[in-house]
Amino acid sequence: MNAVVGSHHLLLLTLDTLRYDVAQELAEAGRIPHLAALLPGGRWERRHTPGSFTYAAHQAMLAGFLPTPADPGGPHPRLFAARFAGSETTEPRTWVFDTPDLPSALAAAGYRTVCIGGVGFFNKQGPLGSVLPGMFQESHWEPEFGVPSPTSFEAQVARAEQVAAEHAATRPLFLLLNVSALHQPNWFHLPGATRADGDSRASHAAALEYVDRHIPRLLAAMSRRLPCFAVICSDHGTAYGEDGYTGHRIGHEVVWTVPYAQVTVPAAGETAGATAPAGEESAR
């Protein structure tokens, strides 16, 4: 990441509440072609989240603790890490910073830091909903971005396009976009479903298909002038009746296991693969 920070735009796309099993099933079935095209071999990486609900997970991720590979080997080196003695997951390739969180560290390194919120922890309608967006130099939230909106992601992408279009050509951008479409309520994404039907694993999957349709617009906006290094992941999963559980902020496997991918999108006009960090696939 020491070769990436400063030379690339950075995107942290958190697919709020997305389950690993649903994400992988849809990738294998060809139902999310745009996201699947970014994944090595068409498969999501299976990881464990640092938190079982949005606030906890984002606090950790914005301190450099991205979801951890789910295999028992380790320690697993991190992309970003605050400097502290004894860290076993900091290595020479880790971008180490001296502030309490990643947005302030990137701002100090010359980045414009922007948050486009989704779920209520980003709505800035009270002290708690202001903590996460308050880490950024600039933050955006409006009701159309929120969980009840059936057009939330396309509205968020439109705002990201506006941010990117107005951005200085030579200054790198760090964008956190918290996708609310998968979070309950999501029944309205499933054709034929009604409010009385409620949310289900099927409507959760339909919401991911909806998000997938707008992914190319977001990646194009983020790679107009500089290559973009993107982390695309869930912050946590959610239960739809498994073992009697519903929702998240619980210690169930479907909550703690999340899909993860990291890709480099070349800048417009560059050859695919030319800007990929060592060991990573470029977006095609």
C-alpha atoms as a PDB file:
ATOM      1  CA  MET A   1       0.000   0.000   0.000  1.00  0.00           C
ATOM      2  CA  ASN A   2       2.982   2.329   0.302  1.00  0.00           C
ATOM      3  CA  ALA A   3       3.117   2.347  -3.511  1.00  0.00           C
ATOM      4  CA  VAL A   4      -0.637   2.888  -3.795  1.00  0.00           C
ATOM      5  CA  VAL A   5      -1.316   5.665  -1.289  1.00  0.00           C
ATOM      6  CA  GLY A   6      -0.751   9.000  -2.995  1.00  0.00           C
ATOM      7  CA  SER A   7      -0.851   7.637  -6.538  1.00  0.00           C
ATOM      8  CA  HIS A   8      -4.364   6.128  -6.545  1.00  0.00           C
ATOM      9  CA  HIS A   9      -7.852   7.148  -5.606  1.00  0.00           C
ATOM     10  CA  LEU A  10      -9.090   4.919  -2.780  1.00  0.00           C
ATOM     11  CA  LEU A  11     -12.615   3.494  -2.516  1.00  0.00           C
ATOM     12  CA  LEU A  12     -14.034   1.651   0.474  1.00  0.00           C
ATOM     13  CA  LEU A  13     -17.377   0.289  -0.694  1.00  0.00           C
ATOM     14  CA  THR A  14     -19.206  -1.302   2.232  1.00  0.00           C
ATOM     15  CA  LEU A  15     -22.146  -3.433   1.116  1.00  0.00           C
ATOM     16  CA  ASP A  16     -23.977  -3.050   4.393  1.00  0.00           C
ATOM     17  CA  THR A  17     -25.413  -6.319   5.774  1.00  0.00           C
ATOM     18  CA  LEU A  18     -24.429  -8.459   2.758  1.00  0.00           C
ATOM     19  CA  ARG A  19     -24.107 -12.151   3.621  1.00  0.00           C
ATOM     20  CA  TYR A  20     -21.171 -14.147   2.268  1.00  0.00           C
ATOM     21  CA  ASP A  21     -23.275 -17.142   1.254  1.00  0.00           C
ATOM     22  CA  VAL A  22     -25.738 -15.029  -0.733  1.00  0.00           C
ATOM     23  CA  ALA A  23     -22.964 -13.051  -2.418  1.00  0.00           C
ATOM     24  CA  GLN A  24     -21.125 -16.209  -3.456  1.00  0.00           C
ATOM     25  CA  GLU A  25     -24.248 -17.981  -4.705  1.00  0.00           C
ATOM     26  CA  LEU A  26     -25.140 -15.039  -6.917  1.00  0.00           C
ATOM     27  CA  ALA A  27     -21.600 -14.775  -8.287  1.00  0.00           C
ATOM     28  CA  GLU A  28     -21.570 -18.472  -9.197  1.00  0.00           C
ATOM     29  CA  ALA A  29     -25.014 -18.246 -10.791  1.00  0.00           C
ATOM     30  CA  GLY A  30     -24.060 -15.300 -12.999  1.00  0.00           C
ATOM     31  CA  ARG A  31     -26.582 -13.014 -11.314  1.00  0.00           C
ATOM     32  CA  ILE A  32     -24.073 -10.264 -10.395  1.00  0.00           C
ATOM     33  CA  PRO A  33     -21.924 -10.089 -13.545  1.00  0.00           C
ATOM     34  CA  HIS A  34     -20.307  -6.708 -12.856  1.00  0.00           C
ATOM     35  CA  LEU A  35     -19.153  -7.595  -9.362  1.00  0.00           C
ATOM     36  CA  ALA A  36     -18.171 -11.122 -10.384  1.00  0.00           C
ATOM     37  CA  ALA A  37     -15.934  -9.710 -13.113  1.00  0.00           C
ATOM     38  CA  LEU A  38     -13.873  -8.029 -10.388  1.00  0.00           C
ATOM     39  CA  LEU A  39     -13.348 -11.202  -8.362  1.00  0.00           C
ATOM     40  CA  PRO A  40     -10.360 -13.510  -8.896  1.00  0.00           C
ATOM     41  CA  GLY A  41     -11.853 -16.623 -10.452  1.00  0.00           C
ATOM     42  CA  GLY A  42     -15.299 -15.129  -9.978  1.00  0.00           C
ATOM     43  CA  ARG A  43     -15.234 -15.878  -6.243  1.00  0.00           C
ATOM     44  CA  TRP A  44     -15.492 -13.644  -3.199  1.00  0.00           C
ATOM     45  CA  GLU A  45     -12.882 -14.033  -0.500  1.00  0.00           C
ATOM     46  CA  ARG A  46     -14.403 -15.398   2.710  1.00  0.00           C
ATOM     47  CA  ARG A  47     -13.524 -13.186   5.676  1.00  0.00           C
ATOM     48  CA  HIS A  48     -14.600 -12.443   9.243  1.00  0.00           C
ATOM     49  CA  THR A  49     -15.903  -9.007  10.133  1.00  0.00           C
ATOM     50  CA  PRO A  50     -14.410  -6.992  13.020  1.00  0.00           C
ATOM     51  CA  GLY A  51     -17.938  -6.092  14.216  1.00  0.00           C
ATOM     52  CA  SER A  52     -21.422  -7.605  14.158  1.00  0.00           C
ATOM     53  CA  PHE A  53     -23.226  -4.363  13.278  1.00  0.00           C
ATOM     54  CA  THR A  54     -22.568  -1.253  11.223  1.00  0.00           C
ATOM     55  CA  TYR A  55     -21.214   1.138  13.841  1.00  0.00           C
ATOM     56  CA  ALA A  56     -18.750  -1.280  15.413  1.00  0.00           C
ATOM     57  CA  ALA A  57     -17.555  -2.683  12.088  1.00  0.00           C
ATOM     58  CA  HIS A  58     -16.980   0.737  10.510  1.00  0.00           C
ATOM     59  CA  GLN A  59     -15.173   2.091  13.560  1.00  0.00           C
ATOM     60  CA  ALA A  60     -12.770  -0.839  13.251  1.00  0.00           C
ATOM     61  CA  MET A  61     -12.388  -0.667   9.465  1.00  0.00           C
ATOM     62  CA  LEU A  62     -11.718   3.074   9.568  1.00  0.00           C
ATOM     63  CA  ALA A  63      -8.922   2.352  12.024  1.00  0.00           C
ATOM     64  CA  GLY A  64      -7.363  -0.088   9.544  1.00  0.00           C
ATOM     65  CA  PHE A  65      -8.957  -3.323  10.772  1.00  0.00           C
ATOM     66  CA  LEU A  66     -10.588  -4.564   7.573  1.00  0.00           C
ATOM     67  CA  PRO A  67     -12.317  -7.970   7.617  1.00  0.00           C
ATOM     68  CA  THR A  68      -9.831 -10.736   8.449  1.00  0.00           C
ATOM     69  CA  PRO A  69      -9.250 -13.748   6.163  1.00  0.00           C
ATOM     70  CA  ALA A  70     -11.323 -16.623   7.520  1.00  0.00           C
ATOM     71  CA  ASP A  71      -8.627 -19.303   7.182  1.00  0.00           C
ATOM     72  CA  PRO A  72      -6.955 -20.218  10.483  1.00  0.00           C
ATOM     73  CA  GLY A  73      -3.471 -19.256   9.312  1.00  0.00           C
ATOM     74  CA  GLY A  74      -1.994 -16.003  10.458  1.00  0.00           C
ATOM     75  CA  PRO A  75      -1.129 -13.434  11.409  1.00  0.00           C
ATOM     76  CA  HIS A  76      -2.800 -11.762   8.442  1.00  0.00           C
ATOM     77  CA  PRO A  77      -0.967  -8.567   7.384  1.00  0.00           C
ATOM     78  CA  ARG A  78      -3.118  -5.459   7.043  1.00  0.00           C
ATOM     79  CA  LEU A  79      -3.264  -2.896   4.243  1.00  0.00           C
ATOM     80  CA  PHE A  80      -3.450   0.059   6.645  1.00  0.00           C
ATOM     81  CA  ALA A  81      -2.451   0.293  10.301  1.00  0.00           C
ATOM     82  CA  ALA A  82      -2.071   2.925  12.979  1.00  0.00           C
ATOM     83  CA  ARG A  83       1.426   2.892  14.400  1.00  0.00           C
ATOM     84  CA  PHE A  84       1.610   1.082  17.733  1.00  0.00           C
ATOM     85  CA  ALA A  85       4.218  -1.095  19.379  1.00  0.00           C
ATOM     86  CA  GLY A  86       3.836  -4.844  19.132  1.00  0.00           C
ATOM     87  CA  SER A  87       1.470  -4.996  16.170  1.00  0.00           C
ATOM     88  CA  GLU A  88       1.701  -8.478  14.655  1.00  0.00           C
ATOM     89  CA  THR A  89      -0.284  -7.568  11.536  1.00  0.00           C
ATOM     90  CA  THR A  90       1.875  -4.658  10.374  1.00  0.00           C
ATOM     91  CA  GLU A  91       4.501  -5.483   7.753  1.00  0.00           C
ATOM     92  CA  PRO A  92       6.727  -3.446   5.395  1.00  0.00           C
ATOM     93  CA  ARG A  93       3.977  -3.310   2.727  1.00  0.00           C
ATOM     94  CA  THR A  94       1.438  -1.911   5.236  1.00  0.00           C
ATOM     95  CA  TRP A  95       0.734   1.829   5.012  1.00  0.00           C
ATOM     96  CA  VAL A  96       1.339   2.949   8.593  1.00  0.00           C
ATOM     97  CA  PHE A  97      -0.162   6.172   9.919  1.00  0.00           C
ATOM     98  CA  ASP A  98       0.162   8.290  13.053  1.00  0.00           C
ATOM     99  CA  THR A  99      -3.400   9.513  13.543  1.00  0.00           C
ATOM    100  CA  PRO A 100      -6.294   7.702  15.282  1.00  0.00           C
ATOM    101  CA  ASP A 101      -8.111   6.815  12.074  1.00  0.00           C
ATOM    102  CA  LEU A 102      -7.624   6.277   8.360  1.00  0.00           C
ATOM    103  CA  PRO A 103      -9.587   9.298   7.054  1.00  0.00           C
ATOM    104  CA  SER A 104      -7.526  11.778   9.082  1.00  0.00           C
ATOM    105  CA  ALA A 105      -4.312   9.993   8.077  1.00  0.00           C
ATOM    106  CA  LEU A 106      -5.180  10.155   4.392  1.00  0.00           C
ATOM    107  CA  ALA A 107      -6.197  13.805   4.730  1.00  0.00           C
ATOM    108  CA  ALA A 108      -2.762  14.515   6.196  1.00  0.00           C
ATOM    109  CA  ALA A 109      -1.249  12.711   3.191  1.00  0.00           C
ATOM    110  CA  GLY A 110      -3.026  15.068   0.786  1.00  0.00           C
ATOM    111  CA  TYR A 111      -6.253  13.183   0.116  1.00  0.00           C
ATOM    112  CA  ARG A 112      -9.706  14.705  -0.100  1.00  0.00           C
ATOM    113  CA  THR A 113     -11.764  12.471   2.182  1.00  0.00           C
ATOM    114  CA  VAL A 114     -15.470  12.039   1.416  1.00  0.00           C
ATOM    115  CA  CYS A 115     -18.208   9.907   2.947  1.00  0.00           C
ATOM    116  CA  ILE A 116     -21.483   9.087   1.186  1.00  0.00           C
ATOM    117  CA  GLY A 117     -23.646   7.558   3.871  1.00  0.00           C
ATOM    118  CA  GLY A 118     -26.424   5.037   3.692  1.00  0.00           C
ATOM    119  CA  VAL A 119     -27.781   3.480   6.890  1.00  0.00           C
ATOM    120  CA  GLY A 120     -28.798   5.462   9.969  1.00  0.00           C
ATOM    121  CA  PHE A 121     -25.319   5.582  11.507  1.00  0.00           C
ATOM    122  CA  PHE A 122     -24.427   7.998   8.683  1.00  0.00           C
ATOM    123  CA  ASN A 123     -27.543  10.182   8.608  1.00  0.00           C
ATOM    124  CA  LYS A 124     -26.112  13.071  10.707  1.00  0.00           C
ATOM    125  CA  GLN A 125     -29.526  13.501  12.339  1.00  0.00           C
ATOM    126  CA  GLY A 126     -28.121  13.210  15.849  1.00  0.00           C
ATOM    127  CA  PRO A 127     -24.812  12.847  17.721  1.00  0.00           C
ATOM    128  CA  LEU A 128     -24.491   9.098  17.098  1.00  0.00           C
ATOM    129  CA  GLY A 129     -25.300   9.420  13.394  1.00  0.00           C
ATOM    130  CA  SER A 130     -22.608  12.103  13.107  1.00  0.00           C
ATOM    131  CA  VAL A 131     -19.636  10.152  14.515  1.00  0.00           C
ATOM    132  CA  LEU A 132     -18.676   8.167  11.401  1.00  0.00           C
ATOM    133  CA  PRO A 133     -19.309  10.925   8.814  1.00  0.00           C
ATOM    134  CA  GLY A 134     -17.546  13.352  11.170  1.00  0.00           C
ATOM    135  CA  MET A 135     -14.248  11.562  10.487  1.00  0.00           C
ATOM    136  CA  PHE A 136     -14.286  12.899   6.911  1.00  0.00           C
ATOM    137  CA  GLN A 137     -13.571  16.328   5.494  1.00  0.00           C
ATOM    138  CA  GLU A 138     -16.851  16.123   3.580  1.00  0.00           C
ATOM    139  CA  SER A 139     -19.912  13.954   4.105  1.00  0.00           C
ATOM    140  CA  HIS A 140     -23.182  13.452   2.265  1.00  0.00           C
ATOM    141  CA  TRP A 141     -26.468  11.924   3.362  1.00  0.00           C
ATOM    142  CA  GLU A 142     -30.071  12.501   2.394  1.00  0.00           C
ATOM    143  CA  PRO A 143     -33.243  10.424   2.775  1.00  0.00           C
ATOM    144  CA  GLU A 144     -32.962   9.073  -0.772  1.00  0.00           C
ATOM    145  CA  PHE A 145     -29.705   7.356   0.275  1.00  0.00           C
ATOM    146  CA  GLY A 146     -31.340   5.598   3.214  1.00  0.00           C
ATOM    147  CA  VAL A 147     -32.684   2.113   3.814  1.00  0.00           C
ATOM    148  CA  PRO A 148     -36.367   2.767   2.924  1.00  0.00           C
ATOM    149  CA  SER A 149     -35.494   4.076  -0.550  1.00  0.00           C
ATOM    150  CA  PRO A 150     -35.855   1.579  -3.438  1.00  0.00           C
ATOM    151  CA  THR A 151     -33.456   3.743  -5.499  1.00  0.00           C
ATOM    152  CA  SER A 152     -30.860   4.320  -2.769  1.00  0.00           C
ATOM    153  CA  PHE A 153     -27.768   3.003  -4.529  1.00  0.00           C
ATOM    154  CA  GLU A 154     -28.316   4.756  -7.834  1.00  0.00           C
ATOM    155  CA  ALA A 155     -28.826   7.991  -5.864  1.00  0.00           C
ATOM    156  CA  GLN A 156     -25.590   7.378  -3.969  1.00  0.00           C
ATOM    157  CA  VAL A 157     -23.740   6.650  -7.199  1.00  0.00           C
ATOM    158  CA  ALA A 158     -25.087   9.862  -8.738  1.00  0.00           C
ATOM    159  CA  ARG A 159     -23.641  11.783  -5.783  1.00  0.00           C
ATOM    160  CA  ALA A 160     -20.311   9.973  -6.168  1.00  0.00           C
ATOM    161  CA  GLU A 161     -20.260  10.931  -9.845  1.00  0.00           C
ATOM    162  CA  GLN A 162     -20.839  14.548  -8.859  1.00  0.00           C
ATOM    163  CA  VAL A 163     -18.061  14.436  -6.249  1.00  0.00           C
ATOM    164  CA  ALA A 164     -15.622  12.904  -8.741  1.00  0.00           C
ATOM    165  CA  ALA A 165     -16.537  15.326 -11.518  1.00  0.00           C
ATOM    166  CA  GLU A 166     -15.870  18.325  -9.269  1.00  0.00           C
ATOM    167  CA  HIS A 167     -12.649  16.873  -7.880  1.00  0.00           C
ATOM    168  CA  ALA A 168      -9.264  18.426  -8.646  1.00  0.00           C
ATOM    169  CA  ALA A 169      -7.463  16.420 -11.304  1.00  0.00           C
ATOM    170  CA  THR A 170      -4.167  16.103  -9.409  1.00  0.00           C
ATOM    171  CA  ARG A 171      -5.431  15.422  -5.869  1.00  0.00           C
ATOM    172  CA  PRO A 172      -6.206  11.853  -4.772  1.00  0.00           C
ATOM    173  CA  LEU A 173      -9.647  11.070  -3.370  1.00  0.00           C
ATOM    174  CA  PHE A 174     -10.656   8.696  -0.589  1.00  0.00           C
ATOM    175  CA  LEU A 175     -14.345   7.780  -0.765  1.00  0.00           C
ATOM    176  CA  LEU A 176     -16.297   5.674   1.696  1.00  0.00           C
ATOM    177  CA  LEU A 177     -19.664   4.705   0.246  1.00  0.00           C
ATOM    178  CA  ASN A 178     -21.917   2.813   2.644  1.00  0.00           C
ATOM    179  CA  VAL A 179     -24.493   0.938   0.544  1.00  0.00           C
ATOM    180  CA  SER A 180     -27.859   0.746   2.310  1.00  0.00           C
ATOM    181  CA  ALA A 181     -29.837  -1.243  -0.291  1.00  0.00           C
ATOM    182  CA  LEU A 182     -29.189  -4.687   1.227  1.00  0.00           C
ATOM    183  CA  HIS A 183     -30.184  -3.672   4.740  1.00  0.00           C
ATOM    184  CA  GLN A 184     -33.732  -4.292   5.861  1.00  0.00           C
ATOM    185  CA  PRO A 185     -36.227  -3.307   4.575  1.00  0.00           C
ATOM    186  CA  ASN A 186     -35.301  -4.834   1.214  1.00  0.00           C
ATOM    187  CA  TRP A 187     -38.529  -6.636   0.231  1.00  0.00           C
ATOM    188  CA  PHE A 188     -39.236  -4.049  -2.475  1.00  0.00           C
ATOM    189  CA  HIS A 189     -36.249  -5.237  -4.522  1.00  0.00           C
ATOM    190  CA  LEU A 190     -37.852  -8.651  -5.106  1.00  0.00           C
ATOM    191  CA  PRO A 191     -40.270  -8.598  -8.044  1.00  0.00           C
ATOM    192  CA  GLY A 192     -43.791  -9.397  -6.914  1.00  0.00           C
ATOM    193  CA  ALA A 193     -43.085  -9.059  -3.197  1.00  0.00           C
ATOM    194  CA  THR A 194     -45.275  -6.914  -0.974  1.00  0.00           C
ATOM    195  CA  ARG A 195     -44.751  -5.206   2.362  1.00  0.00           C
ATOM    196  CA  ALA A 196     -46.813  -7.982   3.955  1.00  0.00           C
ATOM    197  CA  ASP A 197     -44.316 -10.562   2.651  1.00  0.00           C
ATOM    198  CA  GLY A 198     -41.514  -8.822   4.500  1.00  0.00           C
ATOM    199  CA  ASP A 199     -37.799  -9.275   3.962  1.00  0.00           C
ATOM    200  CA  SER A 200     -36.242 -12.612   3.092  1.00  0.00           C
ATOM    201  CA  ARG A 201     -33.050 -14.187   1.882  1.00  0.00           C
ATOM    202  CA  ALA A 202     -34.505 -13.911  -1.640  1.00  0.00           C
ATOM    203  CA  SER A 203     -35.149 -10.178  -1.351  1.00  0.00           C
ATOM    204  CA  HIS A 204     -31.646  -9.743   0.110  1.00  0.00           C
ATOM    205  CA  ALA A 205     -30.302 -11.429  -3.044  1.00  0.00           C
ATOM    206  CA  ALA A 206     -32.488  -9.276  -5.281  1.00  0.00           C
ATOM    207  CA  ALA A 207     -31.079  -6.173  -3.582  1.00  0.00           C
ATOM    208  CA  LEU A 208     -27.548  -7.293  -4.468  1.00  0.00           C
ATOM    209  CA  GLU A 209     -28.600  -7.740  -8.100  1.00  0.00           C
ATOM    210  CA  TYR A 210     -29.911  -4.170  -8.020  1.00  0.00           C
ATOM    211  CA  VAL A 211     -26.604  -2.887  -6.637  1.00  0.00           C
ATOM    212  CA  ASP A 212     -24.638  -4.817  -9.250  1.00  0.00           C
ATOM    213  CA  ARG A 213     -26.396  -3.000 -12.096  1.00  0.00           C
ATOM    214  CA  HIS A 214     -24.930   0.333 -10.973  1.00  0.00           C
ATOM    215  CA  ILE A 215     -21.390  -0.766 -10.031  1.00  0.00           C
ATOM    216  CA  PRO A 216     -19.861   0.151 -13.447  1.00  0.00           C
ATOM    217  CA  ARG A 217     -20.961   3.784 -13.057  1.00  0.00           C
ATOM    218  CA  LEU A 218     -19.290   4.054  -9.658  1.00  0.00           C
ATOM    219  CA  LEU A 219     -16.000   2.512 -10.766  1.00  0.00           C
ATOM    220  CA  ALA A 220     -15.923   4.660 -13.898  1.00  0.00           C
ATOM    221  CA  ALA A 221     -16.396   7.793 -11.801  1.00  0.00           C
ATOM    222  CA  MET A 222     -13.629   6.775  -9.402  1.00  0.00           C
ATOM    223  CA  SER A 223     -11.093   6.061 -12.157  1.00  0.00           C
ATOM    224  CA  ARG A 224     -11.602   9.037 -14.459  1.00  0.00           C
ATOM    225  CA  ARG A 225      -8.249  10.687 -13.747  1.00  0.00           C
ATOM    226  CA  LEU A 226      -6.264   8.325 -11.505  1.00  0.00           C
ATOM    227  CA  PRO A 227      -6.307   4.566 -11.025  1.00  0.00           C
ATOM    228  CA  CYS A 228      -8.557   3.507  -8.165  1.00  0.00           C
ATOM    229  CA  PHE A 229      -7.705   0.941  -5.524  1.00  0.00           C
ATOM    230  CA  ALA A 230     -11.015  -0.402  -4.209  1.00  0.00           C
ATOM    231  CA  VAL A 231     -11.916  -2.536  -1.221  1.00  0.00           C
ATOM    232  CA  ILE A 232     -15.403  -3.979  -1.719  1.00  0.00           C
ATOM    233  CA  CYS A 233     -16.776  -5.835   1.274  1.00  0.00           C
ATOM    234  CA  SER A 234     -19.619  -6.289   3.690  1.00  0.00           C
ATOM    235  CA  ASP A 235     -19.440  -4.872   7.186  1.00  0.00           C
ATOM    236  CA  HIS A 236     -21.476  -7.779   8.610  1.00  0.00           C
ATOM    237  CA  GLY A 237     -24.130 -10.256   7.550  1.00  0.00           C
ATOM    238  CA  THR A 238     -27.654 -10.783   8.826  1.00  0.00           C
ATOM    239  CA  ALA A 239     -29.889 -13.703   9.774  1.00  0.00           C
ATOM    240  CA  TYR A 240     -33.187 -14.642   8.146  1.00  0.00           C
ATOM    241  CA  GLY A 241     -34.383 -17.253  10.606  1.00  0.00           C
ATOM    242  CA  GLU A 242     -31.261 -19.443  10.801  1.00  0.00           C
ATOM    243  CA  ASP A 243     -31.338 -21.301  14.156  1.00  0.00           C
ATOM    244  CA  GLY A 244     -34.208 -19.023  15.144  1.00  0.00           C
ATOM    245  CA  TYR A 245     -32.217 -15.806  14.726  1.00  0.00           C
ATOM    246  CA  THR A 246     -33.267 -12.728  12.807  1.00  0.00           C
ATOM    247  CA  GLY A 247     -31.122  -9.656  12.158  1.00  0.00           C
ATOM    248  CA  HIS A 248     -27.569  -8.929  13.291  1.00  0.00           C
ATOM    249  CA  ARG A 249     -25.581  -7.715  16.324  1.00  0.00           C
ATOM    250  CA  ILE A 250     -25.538 -11.372  17.306  1.00  0.00           C
ATOM    251  CA  GLY A 251     -22.811 -14.026  17.306  1.00  0.00           C
ATOM    252  CA  HIS A 252     -24.038 -16.190  14.429  1.00  0.00           C
ATOM    253  CA  GLU A 253     -21.947 -17.501  11.531  1.00  0.00           C
ATOM    254  CA  VAL A 254     -24.107 -15.743   8.911  1.00  0.00           C
ATOM    255  CA  VAL A 255     -23.408 -12.425  10.659  1.00  0.00           C
ATOM    256  CA  TRP A 256     -19.664 -12.818  11.224  1.00  0.00           C
ATOM    257  CA  THR A 257     -18.783 -14.224   7.774  1.00  0.00           C
ATOM    258  CA  VAL A 258     -18.588 -11.607   5.029  1.00  0.00           C
ATOM    259  CA  PRO A 259     -17.552 -11.343   1.359  1.00  0.00           C
ATOM    260  CA  TYR A 260     -14.415  -9.349   0.520  1.00  0.00           C
ATOM    261  CA  ALA A 261     -12.554  -8.244  -2.603  1.00  0.00           C
ATOM    262  CA  GLN A 262      -9.799  -5.749  -3.385  1.00  0.00           C
ATOM    263  CA  VAL A 263      -9.117  -4.635  -6.950  1.00  0.00           C
ATOM    264  CA  THR A 264      -7.341  -1.932  -8.890  1.00  0.00           C
ATOM    265  CA  VAL A 265      -9.304  -0.170 -11.603  1.00  0.00           C
ATOM    266  CA  PRO A 266      -6.941   1.465 -14.116  1.00  0.00           C
ATOM    267  CA  ALA A 267      -7.439   5.125 -14.909  1.00  0.00           C
ATOM    268  CA  ALA A 268      -9.440   5.868 -18.033  1.00  0.00           C
ATOM    269  CA  GLY A 269      -7.231   5.190 -21.043  1.00  0.00           C
ATOM    270  CA  GLU A 270      -4.738   3.005 -19.176  1.00  0.00           C
ATOM    271  CA  THR A 271      -4.139  -0.647 -19.952  1.00  0.00           C
ATOM    272  CA  ALA A 272      -5.882  -3.036 -17.567  1.00  0.00           C
ATOM    273  CA  GLY A 273      -3.378  -4.574 -15.156  1.00  0.00           C
ATOM    274  CA  ALA A 274      -0.795  -1.823 -15.510  1.00  0.00           C
ATOM    275  CA  THR A 275      -1.554  -0.358 -12.084  1.00  0.00           C
ATOM    276  CA  ALA A 276      -2.344  -3.467 -10.064  1.00  0.00           C
ATOM    277  CA  PRO A 277      -0.414  -3.818  -6.777  1.00  0.00           C
ATOM    278  CA  ALA A 278       1.726  -6.931  -6.612  1.00  0.00           C
ATOM    279  CA  GLY A 279      -0.387 -10.020  -6.135  1.00  0.00           C
ATOM    280  CA  GLU A 280      -3.692  -8.362  -7.002  1.00  0.00           C
ATOM    281  CA  GLU A 281      -5.986  -8.664  -9.978  1.00  0.00           C
ATOM    282  CA  SER A 282      -7.002  -5.600 -11.937  1.00  0.00           C
ATOM    283  CA  ALA A 283     -10.606  -4.945 -12.811  1.00  0.00           C
ATOM    284  CA  ARG A 284     -11.388  -5.783 -16.405  1.00  0.00           C
END
